[in-house]
Amino acid sequence: MEGKSLYEILFDGVEPSFLYEIGFRTLFMFLLIVMMLRVSGRRGVRQLTLFEVAIILGLGSAAGDPMFQDDFPLVHAIIVFIIVISLYKLLTWLVAKYDFFTRMLEGKALVIVRDGEFAVTEENKSTFSKTEFFSELRNASIEHLGQVRIAVLETDGSLSVLRYADSEVKYGLPIFPDDYKEFEQQPTAGTPIACMYCGHVIFDEKPLECPTCNHRKFAKAMNKKYC
């Protein structure tokens, strides 16, 4: 079977009269999306909660399909948008009024670093992953955990960081690749090493495992002040 030409791939089956309809449908749906975003109260999309992402995904098909499929009446998309935005407004009101809905739909802020160490607890020890937060901390000009008093992962995915003053900075786990590497040799007494999992700092001889999280890899801790 002969392959199709480029012209056939691009234009085979195209009805010129429907191209104008596609243009109108696309313009109509685009304006509808903008209007619905204005109605929902969103001023930007830099940080979205999981609930808002679900709303956007839910509207994706309703907005995209009617733009180019002639068997999708535009009124169907309008009805979907009205129902979804109405549901969004209702749930937003419930979130503002009841803490239960806030926790259910948006989650809660999570403490990532406390007092210069990762906030590893018995509840999250098996699922805690520090590496996903390293980039955010580096973007906040954090060189090691000893500079951080507390870091909180907000419900919108942003990271809020409170730092120690220069005079209070202590030894901590380095988070830049050049320094975040295992300390292979046996440290001398008083050499600070930090657990590469939870950031707990030890000044004695290198232990077999971290007393906080039971992991066995350590990096040389640092206490560099801010630039």
Protein backbone atom coordinates (compact mmCIF):
# COMPACT_ATOMS: atom_id res chain seq x y z
CA MET A 1 0.00 0.00 0.00
CA GLU A 2 1.39 3.35 -1.01
CA GLY A 3 2.03 5.91 1.69
CA LYS A 4 0.04 9.13 1.81
CA SER A 5 1.54 12.34 0.53
CA LEU A 6 2.09 15.28 2.85
CA TYR A 7 -0.84 17.06 1.23
CA GLU A 8 -3.13 14.10 1.93
CA ILE A 9 -1.95 13.89 5.54
CA LEU A 10 -2.67 17.57 6.08
CA PHE A 11 -5.83 18.10 4.06
CA ASP A 12 -7.44 14.75 3.27
CA GLY A 13 -11.13 14.90 4.23
CA VAL A 14 -11.05 18.58 5.14
CA GLU A 15 -14.25 20.48 4.43
CA PRO A 16 -13.39 24.13 3.75
CA SER A 17 -16.71 25.30 5.13
CA PHE A 18 -16.02 23.60 8.48
CA LEU A 19 -12.69 25.44 8.88
CA TYR A 20 -14.64 28.65 9.54
CA GLU A 21 -16.75 26.80 12.10
CA ILE A 22 -13.59 25.53 13.83
CA GLY A 23 -12.34 29.09 14.06
CA PHE A 24 -15.60 30.24 15.62
CA ARG A 25 -15.75 27.28 18.02
CA THR A 26 -12.16 27.84 19.15
CA LEU A 27 -12.72 31.55 19.73
CA PHE A 28 -15.98 30.87 21.57
CA MET A 29 -14.47 28.21 23.87
CA PHE A 30 -11.39 30.32 24.56
CA LEU A 31 -13.54 33.26 25.64
CA LEU A 32 -15.69 30.91 27.71
CA ILE A 33 -12.60 29.56 29.51
CA VAL A 34 -11.36 33.08 30.27
CA MET A 35 -14.80 34.12 31.52
CA MET A 36 -15.12 31.06 33.74
CA LEU A 37 -11.67 31.64 35.24
CA ARG A 38 -12.72 35.20 36.04
CA VAL A 39 -15.92 33.95 37.63
CA SER A 40 -14.00 31.40 39.69
CA GLY A 41 -11.89 34.21 41.18
CA ARG A 42 -8.50 32.95 40.00
CA ARG A 43 -6.08 35.81 39.31
CA GLY A 44 -3.24 33.56 38.16
CA VAL A 45 -2.10 29.97 37.89
CA ARG A 46 1.42 30.15 39.31
CA GLN A 47 0.51 27.89 42.22
CA LEU A 48 -2.52 25.61 42.01
CA THR A 49 -3.92 23.36 44.69
CA LEU A 50 -4.67 19.74 43.80
CA PHE A 51 -8.35 20.61 43.85
CA GLU A 52 -7.88 23.35 41.26
CA VAL A 53 -5.76 21.09 39.07
CA ALA A 54 -8.60 18.54 39.15
CA ILE A 55 -11.04 21.26 38.04
CA ILE A 56 -8.79 22.22 35.12
CA LEU A 57 -8.40 18.60 34.03
CA GLY A 58 -12.14 18.12 34.28
CA LEU A 59 -12.78 21.11 32.02
CA GLY A 60 -10.10 20.11 29.52
CA SER A 61 -12.20 17.72 27.48
CA ALA A 62 -15.29 19.90 27.71
CA ALA A 63 -13.30 22.82 26.29
CA GLY A 64 -11.19 21.00 23.70
CA ASP A 65 -13.57 18.60 21.98
CA PRO A 66 -16.20 21.18 20.90
CA MET A 67 -13.49 23.29 19.25
CA PHE A 68 -13.08 20.93 16.27
CA GLN A 69 -15.76 18.21 16.45
CA ASP A 70 -18.96 19.14 14.69
CA ASP A 71 -21.05 16.55 16.55
CA PHE A 72 -20.48 18.35 19.89
CA PRO A 73 -23.03 21.16 20.33
CA LEU A 74 -21.54 24.15 22.11
CA VAL A 75 -24.44 24.21 24.55
CA HIS A 76 -23.23 20.90 25.99
CA ALA A 77 -19.88 22.48 26.84
CA ILE A 78 -21.61 25.49 28.36
CA ILE A 79 -23.67 23.24 30.63
CA VAL A 80 -20.55 21.34 31.73
CA PHE A 81 -18.76 24.60 32.51
CA ILE A 82 -21.69 25.96 34.51
CA ILE A 83 -21.98 22.76 36.57
CA VAL A 84 -18.23 22.50 37.24
CA ILE A 85 -17.83 26.16 38.19
CA SER A 86 -20.93 25.99 40.40
CA LEU A 87 -19.44 22.94 42.11
CA TYR A 88 -16.13 24.81 42.46
CA LYS A 89 -17.88 27.78 44.08
CA LEU A 90 -19.79 25.49 46.46
CA LEU A 91 -16.68 23.60 47.53
CA THR A 92 -14.74 26.87 47.90
CA TRP A 93 -17.43 28.11 50.27
CA LEU A 94 -17.33 24.85 52.23
CA VAL A 95 -13.52 25.07 52.45
CA ALA A 96 -13.76 28.62 53.82
CA LYS A 97 -16.41 27.62 56.37
CA TYR A 98 -15.33 24.16 57.55
CA ASP A 99 -11.81 22.97 58.38
CA PHE A 100 -12.79 19.40 57.51
CA PHE A 101 -13.26 20.30 53.84
CA THR A 102 -10.02 22.28 53.86
CA ARG A 103 -8.06 19.24 55.00
CA MET A 104 -9.92 16.92 52.64
CA LEU A 105 -9.58 19.03 49.48
CA GLU A 106 -6.37 20.98 50.00
CA GLY A 107 -4.46 18.94 52.57
CA LYS A 108 -2.43 20.70 55.24
CA ALA A 109 0.92 22.42 55.47
CA LEU A 110 3.77 20.01 56.17
CA VAL A 111 6.88 20.83 58.20
CA ILE A 112 9.89 19.66 56.15
CA VAL A 113 12.79 20.99 58.22
CA ARG A 114 12.78 21.79 61.92
CA ASP A 115 15.80 23.01 63.92
CA GLY A 116 18.28 22.18 61.16
CA GLU A 117 17.12 18.61 60.53
CA PHE A 118 14.54 17.01 58.27
CA ALA A 119 11.35 16.48 60.22
CA VAL A 120 11.26 12.71 59.94
CA THR A 121 8.60 11.13 62.17
CA GLU A 122 7.52 7.57 62.83
CA GLU A 123 4.43 8.21 60.68
CA ASN A 124 6.29 9.33 57.57
CA LYS A 125 9.63 7.55 58.01
CA SER A 126 8.82 4.90 55.39
CA THR A 127 7.67 7.42 52.73
CA PHE A 128 9.76 10.50 53.49
CA SER A 129 11.79 11.64 50.49
CA LYS A 130 14.26 14.46 51.10
CA THR A 131 15.62 14.80 47.55
CA GLU A 132 12.47 16.41 46.19
CA PHE A 133 12.97 19.35 48.57
CA PHE A 134 16.67 19.94 47.92
CA SER A 135 16.02 22.01 44.80
CA GLU A 136 13.50 24.24 46.58
CA LEU A 137 15.92 24.83 49.45
CA ARG A 138 18.78 25.63 47.06
CA ASN A 139 16.53 28.09 45.24
CA ALA A 140 16.00 29.79 48.59
CA SER A 141 19.82 30.24 48.86
CA ILE A 142 20.14 27.55 51.52
CA GLU A 143 23.53 25.81 51.48
CA HIS A 144 23.03 23.42 54.38
CA LEU A 145 20.27 22.51 56.83
CA GLY A 146 22.06 24.18 59.74
CA GLN A 147 20.92 27.52 58.27
CA VAL A 148 17.22 26.57 58.50
CA ARG A 149 15.10 27.02 61.62
CA ILE A 150 11.93 25.77 59.98
CA ALA A 151 10.77 25.03 56.41
CA VAL A 152 7.12 24.37 55.61
CA LEU A 153 5.66 22.84 52.46
CA GLU A 154 2.48 24.81 51.82
CA THR A 155 -0.71 23.31 50.41
CA ASP A 156 -0.11 25.06 47.06
CA GLY A 157 3.30 23.39 46.68
CA SER A 158 5.43 26.40 47.60
CA LEU A 159 8.08 26.23 50.30
CA SER A 160 8.22 28.75 53.17
CA VAL A 161 11.59 29.01 54.93
CA LEU A 162 12.62 30.74 58.18
CA ARG A 163 16.38 30.99 58.63
CA TYR A 164 18.65 31.23 61.63
CA ALA A 165 20.51 34.48 62.13
CA ASP A 166 24.23 34.26 61.32
CA SER A 167 25.08 34.03 64.99
CA GLU A 168 22.74 31.03 65.40
CA VAL A 169 23.73 29.00 62.32
CA LYS A 170 24.85 25.52 63.35
CA TYR A 171 26.33 22.48 61.68
CA GLY A 172 24.01 20.87 59.17
CA LEU A 173 23.70 18.52 56.22
CA PRO A 174 24.98 20.11 52.97
CA ILE A 175 22.45 20.06 50.14
CA PHE A 176 24.56 21.03 47.12
CA PRO A 177 25.88 18.11 45.01
CA ASP A 178 29.57 18.92 45.49
CA ASP A 179 29.26 18.59 49.27
CA TYR A 180 26.39 16.12 49.59
CA LYS A 181 28.48 12.97 49.36
CA GLU A 182 29.20 10.13 51.72
CA PHE A 183 32.01 10.59 54.24
CA GLU A 184 33.91 7.34 53.77
CA GLN A 185 36.70 7.59 56.36
CA GLN A 186 36.39 7.27 60.10
CA PRO A 187 36.06 10.82 61.48
CA THR A 188 38.21 11.96 64.35
CA ALA A 189 36.60 12.89 67.65
CA GLY A 190 34.74 16.17 67.35
CA THR A 191 34.40 16.05 63.54
CA PRO A 192 30.75 16.85 62.72
CA ILE A 193 29.01 14.45 60.37
CA ALA A 194 25.38 14.56 59.28
CA CYS A 195 23.03 11.73 58.39
CA MET A 196 22.36 11.90 54.66
CA TYR A 197 18.73 10.89 55.22
CA CYS A 198 17.44 13.00 58.11
CA GLY A 199 20.26 15.51 58.62
CA HIS A 200 20.94 14.63 62.26
CA VAL A 201 24.42 15.88 63.19
CA ILE A 202 26.83 13.77 65.27
CA PHE A 203 30.14 14.96 66.76
CA ASP A 204 31.39 11.66 68.16
CA GLU A 205 32.96 8.81 66.25
CA LYS A 206 31.07 7.66 63.18
CA PRO A 207 28.27 5.35 64.39
CA LEU A 208 27.02 2.25 62.63
CA GLU A 209 23.66 3.91 62.06
CA CYS A 210 21.90 7.20 62.71
CA PRO A 211 20.21 7.23 66.13
CA THR A 212 17.29 9.22 64.70
CA CYS A 213 16.36 7.35 61.52
CA ASN A 214 18.63 4.24 61.57
CA HIS A 215 20.20 5.02 58.18
CA ARG A 216 23.92 4.37 57.70
CA LYS A 217 25.24 7.00 55.32
CA PHE A 218 26.83 10.22 56.59
CA ALA A 219 28.20 13.37 54.97
CA LYS A 220 30.60 15.88 56.44
CA ALA A 221 28.50 18.58 58.11
CA MET A 222 29.15 22.26 57.55
CA ASN A 223 28.26 25.46 59.41
CA LYS A 224 28.93 28.10 56.79
CA LYS A 225 27.17 31.38 57.41
CA TYR A 226 25.19 33.25 54.75
CA CYS A 227 27.00 35.17 52.08
